[in-house]
């Protein structure tokens, strides 16, 4: 999820998206998105307001993205084939 959040921010700056649309975009449930976004909000990694996600700590989000046990060089293609 961190990968796609960073990708969207990189491509669009701050963006407007609801949790259901973001969940569809990454192929998971809205409940999962809600739990993770609220966790990151409580950890002061992001700020949520009016369907906007503001990154407060981009380096920690990059660390979360990169902390997977397998480094996948092209995650976008992998997600599209699932």
PDB file of N, CA and C in Angstrom:
ATOM      1  N   UNK A   1       0.817  -1.179   0.000  1.00  0.00           N
ATOM      2  CA  UNK A   1       0.000   0.000   0.000  1.00  0.00           C
ATOM      3  C   UNK A   1       0.866   1.251   0.000  1.00  0.00           C
ATOM      4  N   UNK A   2       1.964   1.211   0.728  1.00  0.00           N
ATOM      5  CA  UNK A   2       2.881   2.354   0.754  1.00  0.00           C
ATOM      6  C   UNK A   2       3.424   2.629  -0.646  1.00  0.00           C
ATOM      7  N   UNK A   3       3.726   1.562  -1.389  1.00  0.00           N
ATOM      8  CA  UNK A   3       4.232   1.717  -2.758  1.00  0.00           C
ATOM      9  C   UNK A   3       3.263   2.530  -3.604  1.00  0.00           C
ATOM     10  N   UNK A   4       1.994   2.173  -3.592  1.00  0.00           N
ATOM     11  CA  UNK A   4       1.013   2.849  -4.424  1.00  0.00           C
ATOM     12  C   UNK A   4       0.698   4.249  -3.919  1.00  0.00           C
ATOM     13  N   UNK A   5       0.712   4.439  -2.625  1.00  0.00           N
ATOM     14  CA  UNK A   5       0.507   5.777  -2.090  1.00  0.00           C
ATOM     15  C   UNK A   5       1.641   6.706  -2.524  1.00  0.00           C
ATOM     16  N   UNK A   6       2.868   6.238  -2.405  1.00  0.00           N
ATOM     17  CA  UNK A   6       4.019   7.039  -2.839  1.00  0.00           C
ATOM     18  C   UNK A   6       3.977   7.279  -4.347  1.00  0.00           C
ATOM     19  N   UNK A   7       3.553   6.274  -5.105  1.00  0.00           N
ATOM     20  CA  UNK A   7       3.450   6.427  -6.555  1.00  0.00           C
ATOM     21  C   UNK A   7       2.425   7.491  -6.925  1.00  0.00           C
ATOM     22  N   UNK A   8       1.254   7.448  -6.310  1.00  0.00           N
ATOM     23  CA  UNK A   8       0.222   8.441  -6.596  1.00  0.00           C
ATOM     24  C   UNK A   8       0.660   9.847  -6.209  1.00  0.00           C
ATOM     25  N   UNK A   9       1.300   9.977  -5.055  1.00  0.00           N
ATOM     26  CA  UNK A   9       1.781  11.287  -4.610  1.00  0.00           C
ATOM     27  C   UNK A   9       2.843  11.799  -5.564  1.00  0.00           C
ATOM     28  N   UNK A  10       3.746  10.920  -5.982  1.00  0.00           N
ATOM     29  CA  UNK A  10       4.813  11.307  -6.897  1.00  0.00           C
ATOM     30  C   UNK A  10       4.254  11.791  -8.237  1.00  0.00           C
ATOM     31  N   UNK A  11       3.232  11.102  -8.731  1.00  0.00           N
ATOM     32  CA  UNK A  11       2.659  11.445 -10.030  1.00  0.00           C
ATOM     33  C   UNK A  11       1.713  12.638  -9.979  1.00  0.00           C
ATOM     34  N   UNK A  12       1.024  12.825  -8.849  1.00  0.00           N
ATOM     35  CA  UNK A  12      -0.055  13.808  -8.794  1.00  0.00           C
ATOM     36  C   UNK A  12       0.086  14.866  -7.707  1.00  0.00           C
ATOM     37  N   UNK A  13       1.109  14.791  -6.866  1.00  0.00           N
ATOM     38  CA  UNK A  13       1.146  15.650  -5.688  1.00  0.00           C
ATOM     39  C   UNK A  13       0.063  15.175  -4.741  1.00  0.00           C
ATOM     40  N   UNK A  14      -0.481  16.059  -3.924  1.00  0.00           N
ATOM     41  CA  UNK A  14      -1.618  15.664  -3.091  1.00  0.00           C
ATOM     42  C   UNK A  14      -2.782  15.376  -4.017  1.00  0.00           C
ATOM     43  N   UNK A  15      -3.579  14.385  -3.684  1.00  0.00           N
ATOM     44  CA  UNK A  15      -4.647  13.976  -4.578  1.00  0.00           C
ATOM     45  C   UNK A  15      -5.917  13.696  -3.805  1.00  0.00           C
ATOM     46  N   UNK A  16      -7.028  13.755  -4.498  1.00  0.00           N
ATOM     47  CA  UNK A  16      -8.323  13.473  -3.911  1.00  0.00           C
ATOM     48  C   UNK A  16      -8.736  12.055  -4.298  1.00  0.00           C
ATOM     49  N   UNK A  17      -9.000  11.239  -3.283  1.00  0.00           N
ATOM     50  CA  UNK A  17      -9.453   9.870  -3.532  1.00  0.00           C
ATOM     51  C   UNK A  17     -10.128   9.356  -2.266  1.00  0.00           C
ATOM     52  N   UNK A  18     -11.234   8.676  -2.435  1.00  0.00           N
ATOM     53  CA  UNK A  18     -11.860   8.090  -1.252  1.00  0.00           C
ATOM     54  C   UNK A  18     -11.272   6.707  -1.008  1.00  0.00           C
ATOM     55  N   UNK A  19     -11.528   6.184   0.170  1.00  0.00           N
ATOM     56  CA  UNK A  19     -10.921   4.911   0.560  1.00  0.00           C
ATOM     57  C   UNK A  19     -11.392   3.756  -0.317  1.00  0.00           C
ATOM     58  N   UNK A  20     -12.632   3.791  -0.755  1.00  0.00           N
ATOM     59  CA  UNK A  20     -13.147   2.722  -1.617  1.00  0.00           C
ATOM     60  C   UNK A  20     -12.414   2.723  -2.951  1.00  0.00           C
ATOM     61  N   UNK A  21     -12.218   3.898  -3.539  1.00  0.00           N
ATOM     62  CA  UNK A  21     -11.507   3.991  -4.814  1.00  0.00           C
ATOM     63  C   UNK A  21     -10.050   3.575  -4.662  1.00  0.00           C
ATOM     64  N   UNK A  22      -9.414   3.977  -3.570  1.00  0.00           N
ATOM     65  CA  UNK A  22      -8.022   3.593  -3.342  1.00  0.00           C
ATOM     66  C   UNK A  22      -7.926   2.081  -3.160  1.00  0.00           C
ATOM     67  N   UNK A  23      -8.881   1.497  -2.443  1.00  0.00           N
ATOM     68  CA  UNK A  23      -8.891   0.044  -2.245  1.00  0.00           C
ATOM     69  C   UNK A  23      -9.028  -0.682  -3.579  1.00  0.00           C
ATOM     70  N   UNK A  24      -9.899  -0.194  -4.443  1.00  0.00           N
ATOM     71  CA  UNK A  24     -10.031  -0.803  -5.776  1.00  0.00           C
ATOM     72  C   UNK A  24      -8.749  -0.653  -6.573  1.00  0.00           C
ATOM     73  N   UNK A  25      -8.113   0.501  -6.462  1.00  0.00           N
ATOM     74  CA  UNK A  25      -6.879   0.778  -7.198  1.00  0.00           C
ATOM     75  C   UNK A  25      -5.775  -0.215  -6.837  1.00  0.00           C
ATOM     76  N   UNK A  26      -5.681  -0.551  -5.544  1.00  0.00           N
ATOM     77  CA  UNK A  26      -4.606  -1.449  -5.118  1.00  0.00           C
ATOM     78  C   UNK A  26      -5.063  -2.898  -4.971  1.00  0.00           C
ATOM     79  N   UNK A  27      -6.355  -3.154  -5.169  1.00  0.00           N
ATOM     80  CA  UNK A  27      -6.849  -4.528  -5.143  1.00  0.00           C
ATOM     81  C   UNK A  27      -7.029  -5.116  -3.760  1.00  0.00           C
ATOM     82  N   UNK A  28      -7.539  -4.318  -2.840  1.00  0.00           N
ATOM     83  CA  UNK A  28      -7.804  -4.808  -1.493  1.00  0.00           C
ATOM     84  C   UNK A  28      -9.144  -4.251  -1.023  1.00  0.00           C
ATOM     85  N   UNK A  29      -9.505  -4.518   0.211  1.00  0.00           N
ATOM     86  CA  UNK A  29     -10.790  -4.042   0.729  1.00  0.00           C
ATOM     87  C   UNK A  29     -10.660  -2.639   1.323  1.00  0.00           C
ATOM     88  N   UNK A  30     -11.790  -1.941   1.372  1.00  0.00           N
ATOM     89  CA  UNK A  30     -11.819  -0.613   1.972  1.00  0.00           C
ATOM     90  C   UNK A  30     -11.471  -0.698   3.455  1.00  0.00           C
ATOM     91  N   UNK A  31     -11.876  -1.773   4.098  1.00  0.00           N
ATOM     92  CA  UNK A  31     -11.589  -1.950   5.522  1.00  0.00           C
ATOM     93  C   UNK A  31     -10.083  -2.020   5.752  1.00  0.00           C
ATOM     94  N   UNK A  32      -9.373  -2.753   4.909  1.00  0.00           N
ATOM     95  CA  UNK A  32      -7.916  -2.848   5.022  1.00  0.00           C
ATOM     96  C   UNK A  32      -7.279  -1.480   4.826  1.00  0.00           C
ATOM     97  N   UNK A  33      -7.721  -0.765   3.798  1.00  0.00           N
ATOM     98  CA  UNK A  33      -7.195   0.583   3.545  1.00  0.00           C
ATOM     99  C   UNK A  33      -7.448   1.473   4.753  1.00  0.00           C
ATOM    100  N   UNK A  34      -8.662   1.430   5.286  1.00  0.00           N
ATOM    101  CA  UNK A  34      -9.014   2.260   6.434  1.00  0.00           C
ATOM    102  C   UNK A  34      -8.119   1.965   7.634  1.00  0.00           C
ATOM    103  N   UNK A  35      -7.911   0.694   7.924  1.00  0.00           N
ATOM    104  CA  UNK A  35      -7.077   0.316   9.078  1.00  0.00           C
ATOM    105  C   UNK A  35      -5.646   0.813   8.915  1.00  0.00           C
ATOM    106  N   UNK A  36      -5.087   0.628   7.728  1.00  0.00           N
ATOM    107  CA  UNK A  36      -3.696   1.036   7.514  1.00  0.00           C
ATOM    108  C   UNK A  36      -3.559   2.553   7.506  1.00  0.00           C
ATOM    109  N   UNK A  37      -4.474   3.251   6.829  1.00  0.00           N
ATOM    110  CA  UNK A  37      -4.397   4.716   6.810  1.00  0.00           C
ATOM    111  C   UNK A  37      -4.537   5.292   8.213  1.00  0.00           C
ATOM    112  N   UNK A  38      -5.438   4.737   9.002  1.00  0.00           N
ATOM    113  CA  UNK A  38      -5.587   5.227  10.377  1.00  0.00           C
ATOM    114  C   UNK A  38      -4.359   4.921  11.222  1.00  0.00           C
ATOM    115  N   UNK A  39      -3.749   3.767  11.000  1.00  0.00           N
ATOM    116  CA  UNK A  39      -2.508   3.429  11.706  1.00  0.00           C
ATOM    117  C   UNK A  39      -1.427   4.443  11.356  1.00  0.00           C
ATOM    118  N   UNK A  40      -1.276   4.726  10.049  1.00  0.00           N
ATOM    119  CA  UNK A  40      -0.266   5.693   9.609  1.00  0.00           C
ATOM    120  C   UNK A  40      -0.590   7.097  10.096  1.00  0.00           C
ATOM    121  N   UNK A  41      -1.870   7.419  10.171  1.00  0.00           N
ATOM    122  CA  UNK A  41      -2.280   8.728  10.700  1.00  0.00           C
ATOM    123  C   UNK A  41      -1.872   8.846  12.173  1.00  0.00           C
ATOM    124  N   UNK A  42      -2.133   7.807  12.943  1.00  0.00           N
ATOM    125  CA  UNK A  42      -1.767   7.813  14.366  1.00  0.00           C
ATOM    126  C   UNK A  42      -0.260   7.858  14.580  1.00  0.00           C
ATOM    127  N   UNK A  43       0.490   7.305  13.623  1.00  0.00           N
ATOM    128  CA  UNK A  43       1.955   7.334  13.698  1.00  0.00           C
ATOM    129  C   UNK A  43       2.534   8.634  13.128  1.00  0.00           C
ATOM    130  N   UNK A  44       1.635   9.547  12.720  1.00  0.00           N
ATOM    131  CA  UNK A  44       2.035  10.851  12.160  1.00  0.00           C
ATOM    132  C   UNK A  44       2.814  10.709  10.842  1.00  0.00           C
ATOM    133  N   UNK A  45       2.513   9.671  10.061  1.00  0.00           N
ATOM    134  CA  UNK A  45       3.119   9.497   8.739  1.00  0.00           C
ATOM    135  C   UNK A  45       2.328  10.252   7.675  1.00  0.00           C
ATOM    136  N   UNK A  46       1.010  10.332   7.879  1.00  0.00           N
ATOM    137  CA  UNK A  46       0.124  11.002   6.940  1.00  0.00           C
ATOM    138  C   UNK A  46      -0.889  11.843   7.697  1.00  0.00           C
ATOM    139  N   UNK A  47      -1.552  12.734   6.951  1.00  0.00           N
ATOM    140  CA  UNK A  47      -2.691  13.490   7.478  1.00  0.00           C
ATOM    141  C   UNK A  47      -3.825  13.279   6.488  1.00  0.00           C
ATOM    142  N   UNK A  48      -5.015  12.997   7.010  1.00  0.00           N
ATOM    143  CA  UNK A  48      -6.194  12.792   6.174  1.00  0.00           C
ATOM    144  C   UNK A  48      -7.150  13.952   6.376  1.00  0.00           C
ATOM    145  N   UNK A  49      -7.587  14.550   5.262  1.00  0.00           N
ATOM    146  CA  UNK A  49      -8.593  15.602   5.364  1.00  0.00           C
ATOM    147  C   UNK A  49      -9.294  15.777   4.027  1.00  0.00           C
ATOM    148  N   UNK A  50     -10.600  15.772   4.061  1.00  0.00           N
ATOM    149  CA  UNK A  50     -11.413  15.997   2.862  1.00  0.00           C
ATOM    150  C   UNK A  50     -10.945  15.180   1.657  1.00  0.00           C
ATOM    151  N   UNK A  51     -10.797  13.874   1.850  1.00  0.00           N
ATOM    152  CA  UNK A  51     -10.375  12.950   0.782  1.00  0.00           C
ATOM    153  C   UNK A  51      -8.981  13.251   0.238  1.00  0.00           C
ATOM    154  N   UNK A  52      -8.185  13.951   1.001  1.00  0.00           N
ATOM    155  CA  UNK A  52      -6.805  14.234   0.617  1.00  0.00           C
ATOM    156  C   UNK A  52      -5.879  13.526   1.588  1.00  0.00           C
ATOM    157  N   UNK A  53      -4.819  12.932   1.052  1.00  0.00           N
ATOM    158  CA  UNK A  53      -3.805  12.295   1.873  1.00  0.00           C
ATOM    159  C   UNK A  53      -2.542  13.125   1.754  1.00  0.00           C
ATOM    160  N   UNK A  54      -2.119  13.711   2.854  1.00  0.00           N
ATOM    161  CA  UNK A  54      -0.885  14.490   2.888  1.00  0.00           C
ATOM    162  C   UNK A  54       0.198  13.658   3.557  1.00  0.00           C
ATOM    163  N   UNK A  55       1.346  13.539   2.903  1.00  0.00           N
ATOM    164  CA  UNK A  55       2.472  12.814   3.490  1.00  0.00           C
ATOM    165  C   UNK A  55       3.190  13.718   4.475  1.00  0.00           C
ATOM    166  N   UNK A  56       3.360  13.237   5.684  1.00  0.00           N
ATOM    167  CA  UNK A  56       4.084  13.986   6.702  1.00  0.00           C
ATOM    168  C   UNK A  56       5.501  13.466   6.882  1.00  0.00           C
ATOM    169  N   UNK A  57       5.707  12.187   6.606  1.00  0.00           N
ATOM    170  CA  UNK A  57       7.029  11.581   6.771  1.00  0.00           C
ATOM    171  C   UNK A  57       7.297  10.622   5.613  1.00  0.00           C
ATOM    172  N   UNK A  58       7.724  11.183   4.500  1.00  0.00           N
ATOM    173  CA  UNK A  58       7.932  10.393   3.282  1.00  0.00           C
ATOM    174  C   UNK A  58       9.025   9.345   3.459  1.00  0.00           C
ATOM    175  N   UNK A  59      10.047   9.657   4.241  1.00  0.00           N
ATOM    176  CA  UNK A  59      11.141   8.694   4.441  1.00  0.00           C
ATOM    177  C   UNK A  59      10.678   7.451   5.192  1.00  0.00           C
ATOM    178  N   UNK A  60       9.815   7.613   6.179  1.00  0.00           N
ATOM    179  CA  UNK A  60       9.300   6.442   6.900  1.00  0.00           C
ATOM    180  C   UNK A  60       8.376   5.615   6.017  1.00  0.00           C
ATOM    181  N   UNK A  61       7.591   6.284   5.161  1.00  0.00           N
ATOM    182  CA  UNK A  61       6.746   5.537   4.230  1.00  0.00           C
ATOM    183  C   UNK A  61       7.595   4.771   3.220  1.00  0.00           C
ATOM    184  N   UNK A  62       8.675   5.373   2.762  1.00  0.00           N
ATOM    185  CA  UNK A  62       9.585   4.669   1.859  1.00  0.00           C
ATOM    186  C   UNK A  62      10.198   3.465   2.566  1.00  0.00           C
ATOM    187  N   UNK A  63      10.500   3.628   3.840  1.00  0.00           N
ATOM    188  CA  UNK A  63      11.051   2.524   4.624  1.00  0.00           C
ATOM    189  C   UNK A  63      10.040   1.387   4.739  1.00  0.00           C
ATOM    190  N   UNK A  64       8.776   1.724   4.958  1.00  0.00           N
ATOM    191  CA  UNK A  64       7.718   0.708   5.014  1.00  0.00           C
ATOM    192  C   UNK A  64       7.614   0.009   3.668  1.00  0.00           C
ATOM    193  N   UNK A  65       7.627   0.783   2.588  1.00  0.00           N
ATOM    194  CA  UNK A  65       7.556   0.218   1.241  1.00  0.00           C
ATOM    195  C   UNK A  65       8.705  -0.748   0.980  1.00  0.00           C
ATOM    196  N   UNK A  66       9.906  -0.376   1.414  1.00  0.00           N
ATOM    197  CA  UNK A  66      11.102  -1.154   1.124  1.00  0.00           C
ATOM    198  C   UNK A  66      11.354  -2.284   2.109  1.00  0.00           C
ATOM    199  N   UNK A  67      10.542  -2.383   3.166  1.00  0.00           N
ATOM    200  CA  UNK A  67      10.820  -3.355   4.226  1.00  0.00           C
ATOM    201  C   UNK A  67      10.314  -4.761   3.933  1.00  0.00           C
ATOM    202  N   UNK A  68       9.658  -4.975   2.787  1.00  0.00           N
ATOM    203  CA  UNK A  68       9.167  -6.307   2.443  1.00  0.00           C
ATOM    204  C   UNK A  68      10.308  -7.301   2.356  1.00  0.00           C
ATOM    205  N   UNK A  69       9.999  -8.558   2.610  1.00  0.00           N
ATOM    206  CA  UNK A  69      11.054  -9.572   2.594  1.00  0.00           C
ATOM    207  C   UNK A  69      11.600  -9.814   1.190  1.00  0.00           C
ATOM    208  N   UNK A  70      10.774  -9.601   0.178  1.00  0.00           N
ATOM    209  CA  UNK A  70      11.220  -9.754  -1.206  1.00  0.00           C
ATOM    210  C   UNK A  70      11.222  -8.394  -1.870  1.00  0.00           C
ATOM    211  N   UNK A  71      12.313  -8.019  -2.462  1.00  0.00           N
ATOM    212  CA  UNK A  71      12.375  -6.785  -3.221  1.00  0.00           C
ATOM    213  C   UNK A  71      11.853  -7.072  -4.620  1.00  0.00           C
ATOM    214  N   UNK A  72      10.755  -6.484  -4.964  1.00  0.00           N
ATOM    215  CA  UNK A  72      10.137  -6.711  -6.265  1.00  0.00           C
ATOM    216  C   UNK A  72      10.366  -5.465  -7.107  1.00  0.00           C
ATOM    217  N   UNK A  73      11.057  -5.623  -8.217  1.00  0.00           N
ATOM    218  CA  UNK A  73      11.441  -4.467  -9.011  1.00  0.00           C
ATOM    219  C   UNK A  73      10.278  -3.865  -9.777  1.00  0.00           C
ATOM    220  N   UNK A  74       9.279  -4.637 -10.149  1.00  0.00           N
ATOM    221  CA  UNK A  74       8.172  -4.085 -10.910  1.00  0.00           C
ATOM    222  C   UNK A  74       6.843  -4.555 -10.333  1.00  0.00           C
ATOM    223  N   UNK A  75       6.496  -4.012  -9.197  1.00  0.00           N
ATOM    224  CA  UNK A  75       5.296  -4.409  -8.484  1.00  0.00           C
ATOM    225  C   UNK A  75       4.038  -4.074  -9.275  1.00  0.00           C
ATOM    226  N   UNK A  76       4.063  -2.998 -10.081  1.00  0.00           N
ATOM    227  CA  UNK A  76       2.879  -2.623 -10.858  1.00  0.00           C
ATOM    228  C   UNK A  76       2.466  -3.751 -11.791  1.00  0.00           C
ATOM    229  N   UNK A  77       3.402  -4.345 -12.491  1.00  0.00           N
ATOM    230  CA  UNK A  77       3.097  -5.435 -13.424  1.00  0.00           C
ATOM    231  C   UNK A  77       2.589  -6.649 -12.664  1.00  0.00           C
ATOM    232  N   UNK A  78       3.191  -6.937 -11.518  1.00  0.00           N
ATOM    233  CA  UNK A  78       2.747  -8.065 -10.707  1.00  0.00           C
ATOM    234  C   UNK A  78       1.298  -7.889 -10.286  1.00  0.00           C
ATOM    235  N   UNK A  79       0.915  -6.693  -9.839  1.00  0.00           N
ATOM    236  CA  UNK A  79      -0.445  -6.444  -9.398  1.00  0.00           C
ATOM    237  C   UNK A  79      -1.443  -6.586 -10.548  1.00  0.00           C
ATOM    238  N   UNK A  80      -1.054  -6.176 -11.745  1.00  0.00           N
ATOM    239  CA  UNK A  80      -1.953  -6.258 -12.891  1.00  0.00           C
ATOM    240  C   UNK A  80      -2.213  -7.702 -13.323  1.00  0.00           C
ATOM    241  N   UNK A  81      -1.298  -8.612 -13.030  1.00  0.00           N
ATOM    242  CA  UNK A  81      -1.455  -9.989 -13.448  1.00  0.00           C
ATOM    243  C   UNK A  81      -2.214 -10.826 -12.440  1.00  0.00           C
ATOM    244  N   UNK A  82      -2.533 -10.266 -11.299  1.00  0.00           N
ATOM    245  CA  UNK A  82      -3.231 -11.030 -10.256  1.00  0.00           C
ATOM    246  C   UNK A  82      -4.717 -11.071 -10.520  1.00  0.00           C
TER     247      UNK A  82
END
